[in-house]
N, C-alpha and C. Protein backbone atom coordinates (compact mmCIF):
# COMPACT_ATOMS: atom_id res chain seq x y z
N MET A 1 100.31 347.46 77.68
CA MET A 1 99.08 346.49 77.28
C MET A 1 99.16 345.60 78.53
N THR A 2 97.53 345.69 78.84
CA THR A 2 97.47 345.01 80.01
C THR A 2 96.95 343.37 79.51
N ARG A 3 97.77 341.98 80.26
CA ARG A 3 97.43 340.88 80.05
C ARG A 3 96.25 340.83 80.69
N LEU A 4 95.02 339.93 80.24
CA LEU A 4 93.65 339.48 80.69
C LEU A 4 94.10 337.98 81.02
N THR A 5 93.88 337.56 82.59
CA THR A 5 93.93 336.46 82.73
C THR A 5 92.64 335.55 82.49
N LEU A 6 92.73 334.30 82.57
CA LEU A 6 91.77 333.45 81.75
C LEU A 6 90.49 333.75 83.17
N LYS A 7 90.46 333.71 84.47
CA LYS A 7 89.61 334.15 85.40
C LYS A 7 88.76 335.27 84.94
N HIS A 8 89.61 336.32 84.43
CA HIS A 8 89.03 337.82 84.19
C HIS A 8 88.04 337.55 82.93
N ARG A 9 88.83 336.72 81.87
CA ARG A 9 87.67 336.75 80.79
C ARG A 9 86.34 336.16 81.13
N ILE A 10 86.59 335.17 81.83
CA ILE A 10 85.53 334.38 82.31
C ILE A 10 84.34 335.51 82.91
N ARG A 11 84.96 336.27 84.13
CA ARG A 11 83.97 336.96 84.69
C ARG A 11 83.69 338.17 83.73
N GLU A 12 84.21 338.45 82.72
CA GLU A 12 83.70 339.52 81.87
C GLU A 12 82.51 338.59 80.77
N ILE A 13 82.89 337.72 80.53
CA ILE A 13 82.00 337.09 79.86
C ILE A 13 80.55 336.82 80.33
N TRP A 14 80.68 336.58 82.15
CA TRP A 14 79.63 336.07 82.53
C TRP A 14 78.69 337.52 82.80
N GLN A 15 79.44 339.07 83.01
CA GLN A 15 79.05 340.04 83.31
C GLN A 15 78.09 340.47 81.98
N LYS A 16 78.51 340.03 80.61
CA LYS A 16 78.33 340.45 79.59
C LYS A 16 76.64 339.57 79.46
N LEU A 17 76.81 338.66 79.76
CA LEU A 17 75.88 337.64 79.98
C LEU A 17 74.57 338.06 81.00
N SER A 18 74.97 338.88 82.25
CA SER A 18 73.97 339.02 82.72
C SER A 18 73.09 340.57 82.53
N ARG A 19 74.34 341.54 81.56
CA ARG A 19 73.24 342.43 81.04
C ARG A 19 72.68 342.41 79.86
N LEU A 20 72.92 341.29 79.43
CA LEU A 20 71.66 340.77 78.14
C LEU A 20 70.26 341.25 78.46
N ASP A 21 69.49 342.02 77.26
CA ASP A 21 68.16 341.96 77.55
C ASP A 21 67.38 341.12 76.75
N ALA A 22 67.42 339.78 77.40
CA ALA A 22 66.55 338.70 76.77
C ALA A 22 65.97 338.06 77.92
N ARG A 23 64.90 337.33 77.20
CA ARG A 23 64.39 335.99 78.51
C ARG A 23 65.28 335.12 78.58
N PRO A 24 65.19 334.59 80.21
CA PRO A 24 66.27 333.80 80.73
C PRO A 24 66.39 332.36 79.87
N ASP A 25 65.40 332.04 79.36
CA ASP A 25 65.15 330.89 78.56
C ASP A 25 66.12 330.95 77.17
N GLN A 26 65.92 332.20 76.67
CA GLN A 26 66.90 332.53 75.27
C GLN A 26 68.21 332.85 75.77
N ILE A 27 68.69 333.09 76.89
CA ILE A 27 70.02 333.31 76.98
C ILE A 27 70.60 332.02 77.38
N ALA A 28 69.93 331.32 78.14
CA ALA A 28 70.27 329.87 78.67
C ALA A 28 70.54 329.14 77.42
N ALA A 29 69.19 328.95 76.46
CA ALA A 29 69.33 327.97 75.22
C ALA A 29 70.80 328.38 74.38
N GLY A 30 70.90 330.03 74.26
CA GLY A 30 72.03 330.40 73.18
C GLY A 30 73.09 329.75 73.93
N PHE A 31 73.34 330.22 75.29
CA PHE A 31 74.63 329.59 75.58
C PHE A 31 75.15 328.15 75.69
N ALA A 32 73.85 327.45 75.79
CA ALA A 32 73.81 325.84 75.90
C ALA A 32 74.40 325.49 74.27
N ILE A 33 73.70 326.07 73.42
CA ILE A 33 73.89 326.05 72.06
C ILE A 33 75.37 326.04 71.73
N GLY A 34 76.38 327.33 72.11
CA GLY A 34 77.45 327.47 72.21
C GLY A 34 78.34 326.50 72.48
N VAL A 35 77.87 325.83 73.94
CA VAL A 35 78.95 325.00 74.63
C VAL A 35 78.79 323.64 73.61
N ALA A 36 77.41 323.28 73.19
CA ALA A 36 77.50 322.26 72.52
C ALA A 36 78.50 322.02 71.23
N ALA A 37 78.24 323.32 70.36
CA ALA A 37 79.11 323.60 69.52
C ALA A 37 80.35 323.33 69.76
N SER A 38 80.82 323.60 70.72
CA SER A 38 82.32 323.63 70.92
C SER A 38 82.78 322.13 71.16
N PHE A 39 81.81 321.27 71.48
CA PHE A 39 82.26 319.99 71.37
C PHE A 39 82.71 319.19 70.04
N LEU A 40 81.73 319.94 69.00
CA LEU A 40 81.80 319.45 67.79
C LEU A 40 83.58 319.35 67.12
N PRO A 41 84.02 318.32 66.65
CA PRO A 41 85.12 318.44 65.75
C PRO A 41 85.15 319.21 64.64
N LEU A 42 84.95 320.75 65.15
CA LEU A 42 84.82 321.68 63.66
C LEU A 42 86.08 322.88 64.01
N ASN A 43 86.94 322.89 64.79
CA ASN A 43 87.90 323.94 65.31
C ASN A 43 88.29 324.66 64.04
N PRO A 44 88.07 325.84 63.85
CA PRO A 44 87.69 327.09 64.66
C PRO A 44 85.90 327.17 64.55
N SER A 45 85.32 326.58 63.77
CA SER A 45 84.07 326.82 63.12
C SER A 45 83.00 326.74 64.45
N PRO A 46 83.49 326.16 65.83
CA PRO A 46 82.02 325.83 66.80
C PRO A 46 81.44 327.18 66.42
N ILE A 47 82.05 328.45 66.82
CA ILE A 47 81.66 329.99 66.80
C ILE A 47 80.49 329.94 65.89
N ILE A 48 80.78 329.71 64.37
CA ILE A 48 80.15 329.64 63.25
C ILE A 48 78.78 329.17 63.47
N VAL A 49 78.90 327.78 63.91
CA VAL A 49 77.70 326.77 64.02
C VAL A 49 76.82 327.63 65.17
N ALA A 50 77.54 327.73 66.15
CA ALA A 50 76.96 328.28 67.33
C ALA A 50 76.05 329.70 66.71
N THR A 51 76.60 330.18 66.11
CA THR A 51 75.90 331.74 65.69
C THR A 51 74.46 331.08 64.86
N VAL A 52 74.77 330.58 63.81
CA VAL A 52 73.87 329.81 62.86
C VAL A 52 72.67 329.23 63.74
N VAL A 53 72.77 328.40 64.61
CA VAL A 53 71.97 327.53 65.16
C VAL A 53 71.09 328.14 65.84
N ALA A 54 71.76 329.31 66.88
CA ALA A 54 71.34 330.24 67.68
C ALA A 54 70.04 330.92 66.84
N TRP A 55 70.78 331.75 66.01
CA TRP A 55 69.75 332.60 64.86
C TRP A 55 68.95 331.81 64.52
N LEU A 56 68.91 330.55 63.50
CA LEU A 56 67.89 329.70 63.14
C LEU A 56 66.80 329.22 64.31
N LEU A 57 67.23 328.91 65.50
CA LEU A 57 66.16 328.76 66.38
C LEU A 57 65.82 330.06 67.14
N LYS A 58 66.06 331.00 66.69
CA LYS A 58 65.59 332.70 67.40
C LYS A 58 65.98 332.22 69.14
N ARG A 59 67.24 332.02 69.39
CA ARG A 59 67.88 332.15 70.57
C ARG A 59 68.78 333.25 70.84
N ASN A 60 69.35 333.73 71.53
CA ASN A 60 70.28 334.66 71.89
C ASN A 60 71.73 334.37 71.11
N VAL A 61 71.74 334.96 70.26
CA VAL A 61 73.24 334.77 69.45
C VAL A 61 74.12 335.07 70.38
N ILE A 62 74.36 336.28 71.21
CA ILE A 62 75.50 336.60 71.90
C ILE A 62 75.51 335.62 72.90
N ALA A 63 74.87 335.18 73.40
CA ALA A 63 74.90 334.11 74.59
C ALA A 63 75.46 332.71 73.92
N ALA A 64 75.29 332.63 72.82
CA ALA A 64 75.40 331.45 71.91
C ALA A 64 77.03 331.55 71.74
N LEU A 65 77.39 332.78 71.45
CA LEU A 65 78.77 333.27 71.16
C LEU A 65 80.02 332.91 72.45
N ALA A 66 79.17 333.33 73.47
CA ALA A 66 79.64 333.27 74.94
C ALA A 66 80.07 331.82 75.39
N GLY A 67 79.15 331.33 74.85
CA GLY A 67 78.99 329.50 75.11
C GLY A 67 80.33 328.70 74.49
N ALA A 68 80.23 329.11 73.07
CA ALA A 68 81.26 328.85 72.22
C ALA A 68 82.65 329.18 72.73
N ALA A 69 82.65 330.43 73.22
CA ALA A 69 84.17 330.93 73.89
C ALA A 69 84.80 330.37 74.74
N MET A 70 83.64 329.89 75.62
CA MET A 70 83.77 328.97 76.82
C MET A 70 84.95 327.67 76.64
N ALA A 71 84.78 327.37 75.38
CA ALA A 71 85.51 326.29 75.04
C ALA A 71 87.22 326.59 75.48
N ILE A 72 87.64 327.68 75.17
CA ILE A 72 89.02 328.18 75.52
C ILE A 72 89.32 327.37 76.77
N LEU A 73 88.72 326.97 77.85
CA LEU A 73 88.87 326.50 79.10
C LEU A 73 89.39 325.08 78.50
N TYR A 74 88.90 324.49 77.75
CA TYR A 74 89.41 323.05 77.53
C TYR A 74 89.76 322.65 76.25
N THR A 75 90.52 324.03 75.64
CA THR A 75 91.60 323.70 74.19
C THR A 75 92.52 322.81 74.57
N PRO A 76 93.09 322.87 75.31
CA PRO A 76 94.50 321.80 75.35
C PRO A 76 93.98 320.46 75.50
N LEU A 77 92.68 320.19 76.03
CA LEU A 77 92.14 318.91 76.08
C LEU A 77 91.58 318.29 74.99
N LEU A 78 91.52 319.13 73.80
CA LEU A 78 91.00 318.79 72.67
C LEU A 78 91.21 317.50 71.87
N PRO A 79 92.60 317.35 71.92
CA PRO A 79 92.92 315.63 71.40
C PRO A 79 92.15 314.74 72.00
N LEU A 80 92.42 315.04 73.63
CA LEU A 80 91.72 313.66 74.46
C LEU A 80 90.25 313.61 73.91
N MET A 81 89.77 314.79 73.77
CA MET A 81 88.23 315.10 73.66
C MET A 81 87.99 314.37 72.52
N TRP A 82 88.88 314.93 71.33
CA TRP A 82 88.48 313.97 70.03
C TRP A 82 88.73 312.58 70.07
N PHE A 83 89.70 311.94 70.47
CA PHE A 83 89.63 310.46 70.70
C PHE A 83 88.61 310.00 71.62
N ALA A 84 88.32 310.49 72.67
CA ALA A 84 87.02 309.94 73.27
C ALA A 84 85.60 309.96 72.63
N GLU A 85 85.76 310.79 71.79
CA GLU A 85 84.34 311.30 71.11
C GLU A 85 84.38 309.92 69.74
N TYR A 86 85.37 310.16 69.36
CA TYR A 86 85.77 308.87 68.27
C TYR A 86 85.63 307.50 68.80
N ARG A 87 85.87 307.48 70.02
CA ARG A 87 85.77 306.07 70.87
C ARG A 87 84.09 305.68 71.13
N LEU A 88 83.77 306.82 71.51
CA LEU A 88 81.95 306.79 71.81
C LEU A 88 81.44 306.64 70.50
N GLY A 89 81.86 307.01 69.23
CA GLY A 89 81.32 306.84 68.13
C GLY A 89 81.30 305.69 67.39
N THR A 90 82.69 305.00 67.83
CA THR A 90 83.08 303.61 66.95
C THR A 90 82.14 302.57 67.83
N LEU A 91 81.44 302.86 68.90
CA LEU A 91 80.23 301.91 69.44
C LEU A 91 79.12 302.05 68.70
N ILE A 92 78.65 303.00 67.91
CA ILE A 92 77.67 303.12 66.99
C ILE A 92 77.51 302.88 65.52
N LEU A 93 79.10 303.37 65.10
CA LEU A 93 79.47 303.10 63.33
C LEU A 93 80.61 302.64 63.31
N PRO A 94 80.27 301.88 62.02
CA PRO A 94 81.52 301.10 61.74
C PRO A 94 82.69 301.82 61.54
N VAL A 95 83.88 301.44 61.65
CA VAL A 95 85.25 302.69 61.31
C VAL A 95 86.27 301.70 60.46
N GLN A 96 86.37 301.67 59.44
CA GLN A 96 87.32 301.03 58.69
C GLN A 96 88.95 301.53 58.77
N HIS A 97 88.97 302.62 59.34
CA HIS A 97 90.34 302.85 59.50
C HIS A 97 90.70 303.26 60.91
N PRO A 98 91.55 302.77 61.88
CA PRO A 98 91.58 302.96 63.03
C PRO A 98 92.41 304.15 63.37
N LEU A 99 92.40 304.86 64.41
CA LEU A 99 92.39 306.08 65.03
C LEU A 99 93.56 305.98 66.25
N ASN A 100 94.63 306.49 66.19
CA ASN A 100 95.52 305.86 67.38
C ASN A 100 95.79 307.62 68.04
N LEU A 101 95.76 308.02 69.52
CA LEU A 101 95.69 309.08 70.08
C LEU A 101 96.92 309.87 69.35
N ASP A 102 98.06 309.74 68.87
CA ASP A 102 99.00 310.43 68.23
C ASP A 102 98.72 310.85 66.99
N GLN A 103 97.54 310.30 66.28
CA GLN A 103 97.00 310.76 65.05
C GLN A 103 96.08 311.87 65.44
N VAL A 104 95.65 312.17 66.65
CA VAL A 104 94.66 312.99 66.87
C VAL A 104 94.36 314.51 66.44
N ARG A 105 94.83 314.68 65.13
CA ARG A 105 94.80 316.16 64.61
C ARG A 105 94.07 316.22 63.79
N LEU A 106 92.82 317.08 63.58
CA LEU A 106 91.77 317.19 62.67
C LEU A 106 92.18 317.07 61.17
N TRP A 107 93.08 317.55 60.99
CA TRP A 107 93.47 317.15 59.83
C TRP A 107 93.72 315.82 58.76
N ASP A 108 94.52 315.47 59.89
CA ASP A 108 95.01 313.85 59.78
C ASP A 108 93.60 313.10 59.77
N VAL A 109 93.08 313.06 60.91
CA VAL A 109 91.65 312.60 60.63
C VAL A 109 91.04 312.35 59.52
N VAL A 110 90.96 313.49 58.79
CA VAL A 110 90.07 313.74 57.83
C VAL A 110 90.59 313.26 56.42
N ARG A 111 91.60 313.34 56.46
CA ARG A 111 92.73 312.93 55.31
C ARG A 111 92.46 311.26 55.52
N LYS A 112 92.71 310.47 56.78
CA LYS A 112 92.50 308.71 56.95
C LYS A 112 91.36 308.63 56.29
N GLY A 113 90.23 309.31 56.73
CA GLY A 113 88.97 308.99 56.33
C GLY A 113 87.64 309.48 56.86
N TRP A 114 86.70 309.39 56.23
CA TRP A 114 85.58 310.38 56.42
C TRP A 114 84.76 309.65 57.61
N ASP A 115 85.00 308.02 57.54
CA ASP A 115 84.58 307.46 58.46
C ASP A 115 84.74 307.55 59.88
N ILE A 116 85.98 308.02 59.99
CA ILE A 116 86.72 308.44 61.57
C ILE A 116 86.06 309.89 61.78
N TYR A 117 85.85 310.61 61.02
CA TYR A 117 85.43 311.83 61.44
C TYR A 117 83.79 311.73 61.46
N ALA A 118 83.43 310.89 60.93
CA ALA A 118 81.45 310.69 61.25
C ALA A 118 81.69 309.95 62.78
N ALA A 119 82.27 309.36 62.98
CA ALA A 119 82.33 308.36 64.09
C ALA A 119 82.51 309.84 65.54
N MET A 120 83.87 310.60 65.30
CA MET A 120 84.00 311.83 66.03
C MET A 120 82.71 312.51 66.31
N PHE A 121 82.22 312.57 65.36
CA PHE A 121 80.85 313.58 65.10
C PHE A 121 80.02 313.07 66.02
N VAL A 122 79.50 311.80 65.82
CA VAL A 122 78.72 310.66 66.43
C VAL A 122 78.95 311.17 67.93
N GLY A 123 80.42 310.80 68.05
CA GLY A 123 80.67 310.70 69.69
C GLY A 123 80.42 312.03 70.33
N SER A 124 80.72 313.23 69.43
CA SER A 124 80.57 314.46 70.12
C SER A 124 79.29 315.03 70.52
N ILE A 125 78.44 314.36 69.66
CA ILE A 125 76.98 314.31 69.96
C ILE A 125 76.41 314.06 71.43
N ILE A 126 77.10 312.76 71.33
CA ILE A 126 76.87 311.96 72.66
C ILE A 126 77.31 312.68 74.12
N VAL A 127 78.54 312.99 73.75
CA VAL A 127 79.15 313.81 74.87
C VAL A 127 78.29 315.31 75.33
N ALA A 128 78.16 315.96 73.82
CA ALA A 128 77.84 317.43 74.24
C ALA A 128 76.45 317.51 74.77
N THR A 129 75.58 316.59 74.35
CA THR A 129 74.05 316.51 74.91
C THR A 129 73.89 316.60 76.45
N PRO A 130 74.50 315.85 77.27
CA PRO A 130 74.29 316.23 78.52
C PRO A 130 74.78 317.56 79.29
N VAL A 131 75.94 317.36 78.70
CA VAL A 131 76.82 318.87 78.99
C VAL A 131 76.14 320.04 78.68
N ALA A 132 75.58 320.12 77.73
CA ALA A 132 74.53 321.33 77.26
C ALA A 132 73.23 321.12 77.66
N LEU A 133 72.66 320.31 78.29
CA LEU A 133 71.70 320.21 78.89
C LEU A 133 71.72 320.68 80.52
N LEU A 134 72.98 320.36 81.12
CA LEU A 134 73.15 320.69 82.33
C LEU A 134 73.72 321.91 82.44
N THR A 135 74.34 322.64 81.00
CA THR A 135 74.64 324.20 81.11
C THR A 135 73.29 325.07 80.86
N TYR A 136 72.40 324.48 80.14
CA TYR A 136 71.03 325.40 80.30
C TYR A 136 70.28 325.43 81.38
N PHE A 137 70.61 324.20 82.30
CA PHE A 137 69.80 324.66 83.45
C PHE A 137 70.32 325.65 84.18
N ILE A 138 71.66 325.42 84.47
CA ILE A 138 72.51 326.16 85.39
C ILE A 138 72.35 327.81 84.85
N VAL A 139 72.53 327.69 83.59
CA VAL A 139 72.42 329.49 83.35
C VAL A 139 71.26 329.81 83.22
N LYS A 140 70.08 329.26 83.20
CA LYS A 140 68.98 329.65 82.96
C LYS A 140 68.43 330.02 84.49
N ARG A 141 68.79 329.33 85.58
CA ARG A 141 68.82 329.67 86.63
C ARG A 141 69.48 330.86 87.30
N LEU A 142 71.04 331.13 86.89
CA LEU A 142 71.28 332.27 86.99
C LEU A 142 71.06 333.73 86.08
N ALA A 143 70.34 333.43 85.19
CA ALA A 143 69.64 334.21 84.37
C ALA A 143 68.44 335.08 85.02
N GLU A 144 67.85 334.01 85.40
CA GLU A 144 66.36 334.28 86.08
C GLU A 144 66.68 335.21 87.31
N ARG A 145 68.08 334.78 88.09
CA ARG A 145 68.30 335.62 88.88
C ARG A 145 68.58 336.89 88.73
N TRP A 146 69.43 337.10 87.38
CA TRP A 146 69.78 338.49 87.07
C TRP A 146 68.71 339.39 86.37
N ALA A 147 67.64 338.49 85.99
CA ALA A 147 66.53 339.29 85.69
C ALA A 147 65.70 339.89 87.04
N ARG A 148 65.60 338.61 88.23
CA ARG A 148 65.16 339.70 89.33
C ARG A 148 66.01 340.77 89.51
N GLN A 149 67.10 340.69 89.70
CA GLN A 149 67.95 341.57 90.20
C GLN A 149 67.70 342.99 89.66
N LYS A 150 67.55 342.78 88.28
CA LYS A 150 67.31 344.32 87.30
C LYS A 150 66.05 344.71 87.34
N ASP A 151 64.75 343.81 87.55
CA ASP A 151 63.60 344.35 88.54
C ASP A 151 63.56 345.02 89.47
N GLU A 152 64.14 344.31 90.32
CA GLU A 152 64.56 344.89 91.97
C GLU A 152 64.94 346.56 91.74
N LEU A 153 66.27 346.53 90.92
CA LEU A 153 66.82 347.81 90.74
C LEU A 153 65.57 348.82 89.45
N ARG A 154 64.84 348.35 88.96
CA ARG A 154 64.56 349.35 88.36
C ARG A 154 63.10 349.99 88.87
N GLY A 155 62.66 348.84 89.95
CA GLY A 155 61.70 349.36 90.86
C GLY A 155 62.08 350.01 92.25
N SER A 156 63.48 350.08 92.48
CA SER A 156 63.68 351.02 93.41
C SER A 156 64.36 352.14 93.06
N GLY A 157 64.42 352.30 91.39
CA GLY A 157 65.14 353.41 90.95
C GLY A 157 64.27 354.32 90.81
């Protein structure tokens, strides 16, 4: 059995995205939805959230799944990300139960109080928004390039 490296998996995702038969804006929006969902403190359900949101917004669901799957890149950083999201969220929402970095396991957070989870959720939206917007523009440019290359191949073939 061949072991796939992370670099190889990322390359496979990009190749699959480049072959999608959809408009560049739909691919980019789907991918950005997946990336945004991966910041939500909902592991492992960001894939479900990305799929449902992309489907409801009529964006590319496959691209959304690919975007959510990219979360594997920062999985080791999830406790730090969740703590940072919590800290950002506490700037907006009042929190009655303080959270320490050593307690950043999602189930412990939920057991401690929903106010902590709400702060994490708000913080995740603050973090995910600029990342998703940047992702959208980058992937849209790439998808436009892929579409031009497909058109050139069809024209020359």
